[in-house]
Amino acid sequence: MATTTSTSFTHVQRVRLLYKTILRIHRGLPLEIKAIGDQYVKDEFKRHKKCLPHEINPFMTGWVDYAVTLSKQLSVSQLKKKSPILGRHLTQEELELFKDDQVYQLHELMQEATKPKLESDSDIPTKL
């Protein structure tokens, strides 16, 4: 039986596989973070649907790194810790590669993720 490698996929198939993998990994996040993360991923992939050829590799590499890092952080051994750490800090070099609108978007995402939880939010059922 022949095995399928990533080289046998078309570019569109690789992008779709990465997109679906990230959304699957997000299922392990707390609901509030999952909602923010899912929307951010959907927006970013949609925004880069028609990106320039020289932007493809950094985009894909960045999202693959994100998926690998998050899947490690959501592993069983990490989740057994009292306060598992999700995400990582960006280096100055990484931040300098961002365009102005990306820095703004990242800042908005950080504000949303660190916003204090409202007391009324605790009354909202997590499942319907």
Foldseek 3Di string as FASTA:
>chain_A
DDDDDPVVDDPVVLLVVLLVLQLVLLVLPPPQVSVLVNVVSVVVCVVCVPPDPVVVVVVSVVSVVLSVQSSVQSDPVQVVDPDGDGDDDDDPVVVVVDDPVVVVVVVVSVCSVPPDDDPVVVVDDPPD
